[in-house]
Amino acid sequence: MARPEFKLRYIDPIGEPPGSSTGIRMLLDGQMAFSQSSRPIRDSEFQQAQQRGFSLKQVPVAIDGLAVAVNPTLNISGLTLAQLKDIYTGKIDNWSQVGGPNLNIIPLTRPADAGGTVELFVEEILGGQAFGPNVKFVPNTTQAIRQLADNPGGIYFASAPEVVPQCTIKPVPIGRQAGEFVPPYQEPLVPPERCPKQRNQMNLQAFQQGRYPITRSLFVAIKQNGQIEQQAGEAYANLLLTVQGQELISQAGFVRIR
């Protein structure tokens, strides 16, 4: 054990799904020693910490990407960021508008307050606009993947390691512009009939080099209060930044930051 004086214990939020915002709130409320986040700490959260007599620090430890998935039977070459925005704000509602079949699009998402992934999508892809009236809300990624597998017109986004290896859905190449599509998986695409013996692997190079258009840093949020919580948070972040820690991050499907 690297730091035997600390015992790591995962705490589930009560009555709500886990997510970046929930974790940071629990950290501010003193329910956790440190938290993990898939988005940067907000100014309002820094201010809340100051009001409670401490500050917050965020340490980037890994790189992640958002992957977009559709039903395996849907045949499209890829989507641009602008098309993705138009699908989720309701401007585009049929796959024929983006080079696919004449089929209604059913966009799926977790609720807007579900965590850093959805917040990042709303801010970066939708430009802060609200989801369109055609969007269906699902409580978690497991249910979304089940619905996507049963629905030829469905589309869903989530953290790339949650989407890329799945057997029952198909990840979609994404481009900043038309004709610049970058797959979140290593080509060639593994078809569903070969899965799970073979699974799609993450396109790590595209994430590391910033070629894939929807990437983000993953952080450890640490209280700066000179107490045991600060020591534990810094020990955890430092562990994830060691050679061994970065190897574990890779094994979990994320992209190492160093």
C-alpha atoms as a PDB file:
ATOM      1  CA  MET A   1       0.000   0.000   0.000  1.00  0.00           C
ATOM      2  CA  ALA A   2       1.341   3.406  -0.998  1.00  0.00           C
ATOM      3  CA  ARG A   3      -0.404   5.327   1.822  1.00  0.00           C
ATOM      4  CA  PRO A   4      -1.510   2.856   4.520  1.00  0.00           C
ATOM      5  CA  GLU A   5      -2.767   5.677   6.769  1.00  0.00           C
ATOM      6  CA  PHE A   6      -5.702   6.270   4.361  1.00  0.00           C
ATOM      7  CA  LYS A   7      -8.521   3.827   3.654  1.00  0.00           C
ATOM      8  CA  LEU A   8     -10.490   4.547   0.481  1.00  0.00           C
ATOM      9  CA  ARG A   9     -14.272   4.267   0.869  1.00  0.00           C
ATOM     10  CA  TYR A  10     -16.751   5.104  -1.893  1.00  0.00           C
ATOM     11  CA  ILE A  11     -19.837   7.022  -0.704  1.00  0.00           C
ATOM     12  CA  ASP A  12     -23.048   6.901  -2.743  1.00  0.00           C
ATOM     13  CA  PRO A  13     -25.312   9.965  -2.695  1.00  0.00           C
ATOM     14  CA  ILE A  14     -28.700   9.398  -1.059  1.00  0.00           C
ATOM     15  CA  GLY A  15     -31.772   9.842  -3.237  1.00  0.00           C
ATOM     16  CA  GLU A  16     -30.006  11.024  -6.392  1.00  0.00           C
ATOM     17  CA  PRO A  17     -27.672   9.538  -9.002  1.00  0.00           C
ATOM     18  CA  PRO A  18     -23.920  10.089  -8.617  1.00  0.00           C
ATOM     19  CA  GLY A  19     -22.368  12.817 -10.779  1.00  0.00           C
ATOM     20  CA  SER A  20     -19.804  15.603 -10.737  1.00  0.00           C
ATOM     21  CA  SER A  21     -22.151  18.269  -9.320  1.00  0.00           C
ATOM     22  CA  THR A  22     -23.409  15.900  -6.619  1.00  0.00           C
ATOM     23  CA  GLY A  23     -19.846  14.971  -5.647  1.00  0.00           C
ATOM     24  CA  ILE A  24     -18.680  18.585  -5.399  1.00  0.00           C
ATOM     25  CA  ARG A  25     -21.768  19.503  -3.370  1.00  0.00           C
ATOM     26  CA  MET A  26     -21.133  16.608  -0.965  1.00  0.00           C
ATOM     27  CA  LEU A  27     -17.505  17.767  -0.700  1.00  0.00           C
ATOM     28  CA  LEU A  28     -18.654  21.321   0.146  1.00  0.00           C
ATOM     29  CA  ASP A  29     -21.141  19.926   2.709  1.00  0.00           C
ATOM     30  CA  GLY A  30     -18.429  17.928   4.488  1.00  0.00           C
ATOM     31  CA  GLN A  31     -19.863  14.534   3.467  1.00  0.00           C
ATOM     32  CA  MET A  32     -16.694  13.530   1.582  1.00  0.00           C
ATOM     33  CA  ALA A  33     -12.969  14.081   2.026  1.00  0.00           C
ATOM     34  CA  PHE A  34     -12.467  14.712  -1.727  1.00  0.00           C
ATOM     35  CA  SER A  35     -14.402  14.123  -4.933  1.00  0.00           C
ATOM     36  CA  GLN A  36     -13.890  13.337  -8.587  1.00  0.00           C
ATOM     37  CA  SER A  37     -15.330  15.473 -11.366  1.00  0.00           C
ATOM     38  CA  SER A  38     -15.631  15.288 -15.130  1.00  0.00           C
ATOM     39  CA  ARG A  39     -15.959  19.091 -15.375  1.00  0.00           C
ATOM     40  CA  PRO A  40     -14.020  22.024 -13.914  1.00  0.00           C
ATOM     41  CA  ILE A  41     -15.148  23.507 -10.588  1.00  0.00           C
ATOM     42  CA  ARG A  42     -17.529  26.442 -11.136  1.00  0.00           C
ATOM     43  CA  ASP A  43     -16.988  29.973  -9.823  1.00  0.00           C
ATOM     44  CA  SER A  44     -20.117  29.579  -7.662  1.00  0.00           C
ATOM     45  CA  GLU A  45     -18.605  26.440  -6.052  1.00  0.00           C
ATOM     46  CA  PHE A  46     -15.299  28.227  -5.351  1.00  0.00           C
ATOM     47  CA  GLN A  47     -17.362  31.008  -3.703  1.00  0.00           C
ATOM     48  CA  GLN A  48     -19.372  28.536  -1.595  1.00  0.00           C
ATOM     49  CA  ALA A  49     -16.113  26.994  -0.364  1.00  0.00           C
ATOM     50  CA  GLN A  50     -14.782  30.438   0.640  1.00  0.00           C
ATOM     51  CA  GLN A  51     -18.008  31.184   2.519  1.00  0.00           C
ATOM     52  CA  ARG A  52     -17.418  27.958   4.486  1.00  0.00           C
ATOM     53  CA  GLY A  53     -13.853  28.848   5.380  1.00  0.00           C
ATOM     54  CA  PHE A  54     -11.750  26.870   2.905  1.00  0.00           C
ATOM     55  CA  SER A  55     -10.783  26.899  -0.777  1.00  0.00           C
ATOM     56  CA  LEU A  56     -10.946  24.218  -3.462  1.00  0.00           C
ATOM     57  CA  LYS A  57      -8.265  22.943  -5.803  1.00  0.00           C
ATOM     58  CA  GLN A  58      -8.782  20.832  -8.932  1.00  0.00           C
ATOM     59  CA  VAL A  59      -6.053  18.494 -10.171  1.00  0.00           C
ATOM     60  CA  PRO A  60      -6.419  17.082 -13.723  1.00  0.00           C
ATOM     61  CA  VAL A  61      -5.600  13.341 -13.687  1.00  0.00           C
ATOM     62  CA  ALA A  62      -6.984  11.901 -16.951  1.00  0.00           C
ATOM     63  CA  ILE A  63      -8.507  12.714 -20.346  1.00  0.00           C
ATOM     64  CA  ASP A  64     -11.933  11.494 -21.394  1.00  0.00           C
ATOM     65  CA  GLY A  65     -14.060  11.929 -24.481  1.00  0.00           C
ATOM     66  CA  LEU A  66     -17.794  11.985 -25.053  1.00  0.00           C
ATOM     67  CA  ALA A  67     -18.908   9.308 -27.505  1.00  0.00           C
ATOM     68  CA  VAL A  68     -22.168   9.394 -29.425  1.00  0.00           C
ATOM     69  CA  ALA A  69     -23.927   6.107 -30.185  1.00  0.00           C
ATOM     70  CA  VAL A  70     -26.797   4.939 -32.396  1.00  0.00           C
ATOM     71  CA  ASN A  71     -28.570   1.673 -33.113  1.00  0.00           C
ATOM     72  CA  PRO A  72     -26.254  -0.752 -35.017  1.00  0.00           C
ATOM     73  CA  THR A  73     -28.686  -0.911 -37.967  1.00  0.00           C
ATOM     74  CA  LEU A  74     -28.447   2.857 -38.606  1.00  0.00           C
ATOM     75  CA  ASN A  75     -26.129   3.665 -41.505  1.00  0.00           C
ATOM     76  CA  ILE A  76     -24.512   7.120 -41.285  1.00  0.00           C
ATOM     77  CA  SER A  77     -20.863   8.032 -41.913  1.00  0.00           C
ATOM     78  CA  GLY A  78     -20.682  10.479 -39.024  1.00  0.00           C
ATOM     79  CA  LEU A  79     -22.087  13.668 -37.490  1.00  0.00           C
ATOM     80  CA  THR A  80     -20.691  17.178 -37.190  1.00  0.00           C
ATOM     81  CA  LEU A  81     -20.889  19.130 -33.933  1.00  0.00           C
ATOM     82  CA  ALA A  82     -23.446  21.454 -35.576  1.00  0.00           C
ATOM     83  CA  GLN A  83     -25.651  18.485 -36.612  1.00  0.00           C
ATOM     84  CA  LEU A  84     -25.420  17.074 -33.087  1.00  0.00           C
ATOM     85  CA  LYS A  85     -26.574  20.434 -31.704  1.00  0.00           C
ATOM     86  CA  ASP A  86     -29.464  20.596 -34.180  1.00  0.00           C
ATOM     87  CA  ILE A  87     -30.556  17.032 -33.286  1.00  0.00           C
ATOM     88  CA  TYR A  88     -30.620  17.762 -29.550  1.00  0.00           C
ATOM     89  CA  THR A  89     -32.306  21.177 -29.885  1.00  0.00           C
ATOM     90  CA  GLY A  90     -34.981  19.755 -32.216  1.00  0.00           C
ATOM     91  CA  LYS A  91     -34.000  21.483 -35.495  1.00  0.00           C
ATOM     92  CA  ILE A  92     -33.148  18.121 -37.100  1.00  0.00           C
ATOM     93  CA  ASP A  93     -35.664  15.366 -36.361  1.00  0.00           C
ATOM     94  CA  ASN A  94     -35.195  12.844 -39.185  1.00  0.00           C
ATOM     95  CA  TRP A  95     -32.083  10.841 -40.057  1.00  0.00           C
ATOM     96  CA  SER A  96     -32.588  11.653 -43.764  1.00  0.00           C
ATOM     97  CA  GLN A  97     -31.514  15.255 -42.933  1.00  0.00           C
ATOM     98  CA  VAL A  98     -27.991  14.018 -42.063  1.00  0.00           C
ATOM     99  CA  GLY A  99     -27.495  11.429 -44.802  1.00  0.00           C
ATOM    100  CA  GLY A 100     -29.323   8.536 -43.175  1.00  0.00           C
ATOM    101  CA  PRO A 101     -32.633   6.743 -43.817  1.00  0.00           C
ATOM    102  CA  ASN A 102     -36.114   8.304 -43.603  1.00  0.00           C
ATOM    103  CA  LEU A 103     -36.529   7.605 -39.896  1.00  0.00           C
ATOM    104  CA  ASN A 104     -37.509   9.794 -36.949  1.00  0.00           C
ATOM    105  CA  ILE A 105     -34.648  10.636 -34.600  1.00  0.00           C
ATOM    106  CA  ILE A 106     -35.186   9.858 -30.908  1.00  0.00           C
ATOM    107  CA  PRO A 107     -32.485  11.698 -28.919  1.00  0.00           C
ATOM    108  CA  LEU A 108     -31.855  10.257 -25.453  1.00  0.00           C
ATOM    109  CA  THR A 109     -30.053  11.950 -22.570  1.00  0.00           C
ATOM    110  CA  ARG A 110     -29.771  11.816 -18.814  1.00  0.00           C
ATOM    111  CA  PRO A 111     -31.335  14.879 -17.100  1.00  0.00           C
ATOM    112  CA  ALA A 112     -29.464  18.185 -17.365  1.00  0.00           C
ATOM    113  CA  ASP A 113     -28.544  18.091 -13.656  1.00  0.00           C
ATOM    114  CA  ALA A 114     -27.250  14.488 -13.795  1.00  0.00           C
ATOM    115  CA  GLY A 115     -23.570  15.375 -13.805  1.00  0.00           C
ATOM    116  CA  GLY A 116     -20.547  16.693 -15.645  1.00  0.00           C
ATOM    117  CA  THR A 117     -21.124  14.741 -18.860  1.00  0.00           C
ATOM    118  CA  VAL A 118     -24.530  16.261 -19.575  1.00  0.00           C
ATOM    119  CA  GLU A 119     -23.387  19.701 -18.392  1.00  0.00           C
ATOM    120  CA  LEU A 120     -20.416  19.565 -20.762  1.00  0.00           C
ATOM    121  CA  PHE A 121     -22.693  18.565 -23.654  1.00  0.00           C
ATOM    122  CA  VAL A 122     -25.137  21.416 -22.930  1.00  0.00           C
ATOM    123  CA  GLU A 123     -22.348  23.996 -22.613  1.00  0.00           C
ATOM    124  CA  GLU A 124     -19.963  22.838 -25.362  1.00  0.00           C
ATOM    125  CA  ILE A 125     -22.316  21.317 -27.962  1.00  0.00           C
ATOM    126  CA  LEU A 126     -25.639  23.092 -27.377  1.00  0.00           C
ATOM    127  CA  GLY A 127     -24.011  26.441 -26.528  1.00  0.00           C
ATOM    128  CA  GLY A 128     -26.146  26.652 -23.387  1.00  0.00           C
ATOM    129  CA  GLN A 129     -29.444  26.103 -25.243  1.00  0.00           C
ATOM    130  CA  ALA A 130     -32.140  23.866 -23.750  1.00  0.00           C
ATOM    131  CA  PHE A 131     -32.840  20.357 -24.985  1.00  0.00           C
ATOM    132  CA  GLY A 132     -35.551  20.205 -27.666  1.00  0.00           C
ATOM    133  CA  PRO A 133     -39.085  18.920 -26.939  1.00  0.00           C
ATOM    134  CA  ASN A 134     -38.328  15.653 -28.785  1.00  0.00           C
ATOM    135  CA  VAL A 135     -35.570  14.650 -26.336  1.00  0.00           C
ATOM    136  CA  LYS A 136     -36.323  11.664 -24.077  1.00  0.00           C
ATOM    137  CA  PHE A 137     -34.805  11.623 -20.593  1.00  0.00           C
ATOM    138  CA  VAL A 138     -33.417   8.398 -19.132  1.00  0.00           C
ATOM    139  CA  PRO A 139     -32.157   7.945 -15.568  1.00  0.00           C
ATOM    140  CA  ASN A 140     -28.818   6.305 -16.430  1.00  0.00           C
ATOM    141  CA  THR A 141     -26.563   5.054 -19.229  1.00  0.00           C
ATOM    142  CA  THR A 142     -27.547   1.385 -18.742  1.00  0.00           C
ATOM    143  CA  GLN A 143     -31.193   2.153 -19.508  1.00  0.00           C
ATOM    144  CA  ALA A 144     -30.209   4.422 -22.405  1.00  0.00           C
ATOM    145  CA  ILE A 145     -28.133   1.661 -24.011  1.00  0.00           C
ATOM    146  CA  ARG A 146     -31.043  -0.792 -23.669  1.00  0.00           C
ATOM    147  CA  GLN A 147     -33.421   1.689 -25.328  1.00  0.00           C
ATOM    148  CA  LEU A 148     -30.907   2.434 -28.076  1.00  0.00           C
ATOM    149  CA  ALA A 149     -30.483  -1.272 -28.837  1.00  0.00           C
ATOM    150  CA  ASP A 150     -34.281  -1.605 -29.250  1.00  0.00           C
ATOM    151  CA  ASN A 151     -34.839   1.600 -31.214  1.00  0.00           C
ATOM    152  CA  PRO A 152     -33.514   2.050 -34.793  1.00  0.00           C
ATOM    153  CA  GLY A 153     -33.885   5.866 -34.621  1.00  0.00           C
ATOM    154  CA  GLY A 154     -32.268   6.447 -31.230  1.00  0.00           C
ATOM    155  CA  ILE A 155     -29.118   8.421 -30.393  1.00  0.00           C
ATOM    156  CA  TYR A 156     -27.311   8.845 -27.053  1.00  0.00           C
ATOM    157  CA  PHE A 157     -24.076  10.366 -25.711  1.00  0.00           C
ATOM    158  CA  ALA A 158     -21.990   9.385 -22.688  1.00  0.00           C
ATOM    159  CA  SER A 159     -18.410   9.052 -21.519  1.00  0.00           C
ATOM    160  CA  ALA A 160     -16.481   7.192 -24.245  1.00  0.00           C
ATOM    161  CA  PRO A 161     -15.382   4.218 -22.056  1.00  0.00           C
ATOM    162  CA  GLU A 162     -19.078   3.575 -21.271  1.00  0.00           C
ATOM    163  CA  VAL A 163     -20.088   3.574 -24.948  1.00  0.00           C
ATOM    164  CA  VAL A 164     -17.250   2.371 -27.196  1.00  0.00           C
ATOM    165  CA  PRO A 165     -16.927  -1.273 -25.986  1.00  0.00           C
ATOM    166  CA  GLN A 166     -20.694  -2.000 -25.907  1.00  0.00           C
ATOM    167  CA  CYS A 167     -21.964  -4.832 -28.136  1.00  0.00           C
ATOM    168  CA  THR A 168     -25.561  -3.705 -28.733  1.00  0.00           C
ATOM    169  CA  ILE A 169     -24.972  -0.129 -29.966  1.00  0.00           C
ATOM    170  CA  LYS A 170     -22.728   1.593 -32.521  1.00  0.00           C
ATOM    171  CA  PRO A 171     -20.402   4.524 -31.756  1.00  0.00           C
ATOM    172  CA  VAL A 172     -20.461   7.301 -34.373  1.00  0.00           C
ATOM    173  CA  PRO A 173     -17.493   9.229 -35.831  1.00  0.00           C
ATOM    174  CA  ILE A 174     -17.737  12.956 -34.960  1.00  0.00           C
ATOM    175  CA  GLY A 175     -16.284  15.932 -36.850  1.00  0.00           C
ATOM    176  CA  ARG A 176     -15.784  19.624 -36.230  1.00  0.00           C
ATOM    177  CA  GLN A 177     -16.701  20.046 -39.921  1.00  0.00           C
ATOM    178  CA  ALA A 178     -18.259  17.805 -42.590  1.00  0.00           C
ATOM    179  CA  GLY A 179     -15.735  15.337 -43.975  1.00  0.00           C
ATOM    180  CA  GLU A 180     -13.498  15.576 -40.879  1.00  0.00           C
ATOM    181  CA  PHE A 181     -15.069  12.663 -39.018  1.00  0.00           C
ATOM    182  CA  VAL A 182     -12.912  11.074 -36.303  1.00  0.00           C
ATOM    183  CA  PRO A 183     -14.097   7.782 -34.776  1.00  0.00           C
ATOM    184  CA  PRO A 184     -13.938   7.391 -30.957  1.00  0.00           C
ATOM    185  CA  TYR A 185     -12.945   3.733 -31.626  1.00  0.00           C
ATOM    186  CA  GLN A 186      -9.932   2.152 -33.312  1.00  0.00           C
ATOM    187  CA  GLU A 187     -10.791   1.307 -36.908  1.00  0.00           C
ATOM    188  CA  PRO A 188     -12.073  -0.929 -38.364  1.00  0.00           C
ATOM    189  CA  LEU A 189     -15.369  -1.004 -36.455  1.00  0.00           C
ATOM    190  CA  VAL A 190     -16.069  -4.364 -34.813  1.00  0.00           C
ATOM    191  CA  PRO A 191     -19.590  -5.473 -35.909  1.00  0.00           C
ATOM    192  CA  PRO A 192     -22.077  -6.606 -33.197  1.00  0.00           C
ATOM    193  CA  GLU A 193     -21.968 -10.247 -34.323  1.00  0.00           C
ATOM    194  CA  ARG A 194     -18.261 -10.459 -33.399  1.00  0.00           C
ATOM    195  CA  CYS A 195     -18.859  -8.951 -29.954  1.00  0.00           C
ATOM    196  CA  PRO A 196     -18.122  -9.800 -27.095  1.00  0.00           C
ATOM    197  CA  LYS A 197     -15.254 -12.023 -28.362  1.00  0.00           C
ATOM    198  CA  GLN A 198     -13.923  -8.842 -29.968  1.00  0.00           C
ATOM    199  CA  ARG A 199     -14.859  -5.409 -28.675  1.00  0.00           C
ATOM    200  CA  ASN A 200     -14.249  -1.955 -30.053  1.00  0.00           C
ATOM    201  CA  GLN A 201     -11.242  -0.294 -28.423  1.00  0.00           C
ATOM    202  CA  MET A 202     -10.889   3.412 -27.621  1.00  0.00           C
ATOM    203  CA  ASN A 203      -9.111   5.621 -30.170  1.00  0.00           C
ATOM    204  CA  LEU A 204      -6.665   6.809 -27.502  1.00  0.00           C
ATOM    205  CA  GLN A 205      -4.371   8.695 -29.872  1.00  0.00           C
ATOM    206  CA  ALA A 206      -7.215  10.824 -31.224  1.00  0.00           C
ATOM    207  CA  PHE A 207      -8.183  11.792 -27.651  1.00  0.00           C
ATOM    208  CA  GLN A 208      -4.601  12.530 -26.558  1.00  0.00           C
ATOM    209  CA  GLN A 209      -3.797  14.578 -29.660  1.00  0.00           C
ATOM    210  CA  GLY A 210      -7.083  16.521 -29.480  1.00  0.00           C
ATOM    211  CA  ARG A 211      -8.170  15.350 -32.957  1.00  0.00           C
ATOM    212  CA  TYR A 212     -11.407  13.919 -31.576  1.00  0.00           C
ATOM    213  CA  PRO A 213     -13.637  16.973 -31.130  1.00  0.00           C
ATOM    214  CA  ILE A 214     -15.321  16.270 -27.772  1.00  0.00           C
ATOM    215  CA  THR A 215     -12.666  15.740 -25.106  1.00  0.00           C
ATOM    216  CA  ARG A 216     -12.339  16.928 -21.519  1.00  0.00           C
ATOM    217  CA  SER A 217     -10.122  16.586 -18.462  1.00  0.00           C
ATOM    218  CA  LEU A 218     -11.116  14.546 -15.415  1.00  0.00           C
ATOM    219  CA  PHE A 219     -10.267  16.094 -12.058  1.00  0.00           C
ATOM    220  CA  VAL A 220      -9.831  15.334  -8.389  1.00  0.00           C
ATOM    221  CA  ALA A 221     -11.430  18.158  -6.362  1.00  0.00           C
ATOM    222  CA  ILE A 222      -9.539  18.776  -3.115  1.00  0.00           C
ATOM    223  CA  LYS A 223     -10.369  20.894  -0.056  1.00  0.00           C
ATOM    224  CA  GLN A 224      -7.618  23.349   0.863  1.00  0.00           C
ATOM    225  CA  ASN A 225      -8.175  23.435   4.616  1.00  0.00           C
ATOM    226  CA  GLY A 226      -4.878  22.121   6.031  1.00  0.00           C
ATOM    227  CA  GLN A 227      -6.760  19.176   7.530  1.00  0.00           C
ATOM    228  CA  ILE A 228      -6.874  15.410   6.940  1.00  0.00           C
ATOM    229  CA  GLU A 229      -9.277  15.902   3.968  1.00  0.00           C
ATOM    230  CA  GLN A 230      -6.639  17.936   2.112  1.00  0.00           C
ATOM    231  CA  GLN A 231      -3.955  15.344   2.858  1.00  0.00           C
ATOM    232  CA  ALA A 232      -6.209  12.495   1.665  1.00  0.00           C
ATOM    233  CA  GLY A 233      -7.247  14.319  -1.525  1.00  0.00           C
ATOM    234  CA  GLU A 234      -3.680  15.215  -2.435  1.00  0.00           C
ATOM    235  CA  ALA A 235      -2.484  11.670  -1.709  1.00  0.00           C
ATOM    236  CA  TYR A 236      -5.221  10.280  -3.996  1.00  0.00           C
ATOM    237  CA  ALA A 237      -4.474  12.737  -6.832  1.00  0.00           C
ATOM    238  CA  ASN A 238      -0.734  12.077  -6.537  1.00  0.00           C
ATOM    239  CA  LEU A 239      -1.372   8.319  -6.655  1.00  0.00           C
ATOM    240  CA  LEU A 240      -3.359   8.696  -9.904  1.00  0.00           C
ATOM    241  CA  LEU A 241      -0.485  10.719 -11.406  1.00  0.00           C
ATOM    242  CA  THR A 242       2.162   8.028 -10.719  1.00  0.00           C
ATOM    243  CA  VAL A 243       3.171   5.578 -13.454  1.00  0.00           C
ATOM    244  CA  GLN A 244       1.064   2.893 -11.743  1.00  0.00           C
ATOM    245  CA  GLY A 245      -1.916   5.241 -11.327  1.00  0.00           C
ATOM    246  CA  GLN A 246      -1.826   6.308 -14.968  1.00  0.00           C
ATOM    247  CA  GLU A 247      -1.673   2.630 -15.986  1.00  0.00           C
ATOM    248  CA  LEU A 248      -4.824   1.952 -13.908  1.00  0.00           C
ATOM    249  CA  ILE A 249      -6.527   4.923 -15.605  1.00  0.00           C
ATOM    250  CA  SER A 250      -5.703   3.346 -18.995  1.00  0.00           C
ATOM    251  CA  GLN A 251      -7.074  -0.026 -17.848  1.00  0.00           C
ATOM    252  CA  ALA A 252     -10.311   1.705 -16.807  1.00  0.00           C
ATOM    253  CA  GLY A 253     -10.674   2.942 -20.403  1.00  0.00           C
ATOM    254  CA  PHE A 254      -9.673   6.581 -19.881  1.00  0.00           C
ATOM    255  CA  VAL A 255      -6.728   8.334 -21.514  1.00  0.00           C
ATOM    256  CA  ARG A 256      -3.601   8.950 -19.465  1.00  0.00           C
ATOM    257  CA  ILE A 257      -2.692  12.586 -18.980  1.00  0.00           C
ATOM    258  CA  ARG A 258       1.069  11.887 -18.722  1.00  0.00           C
END
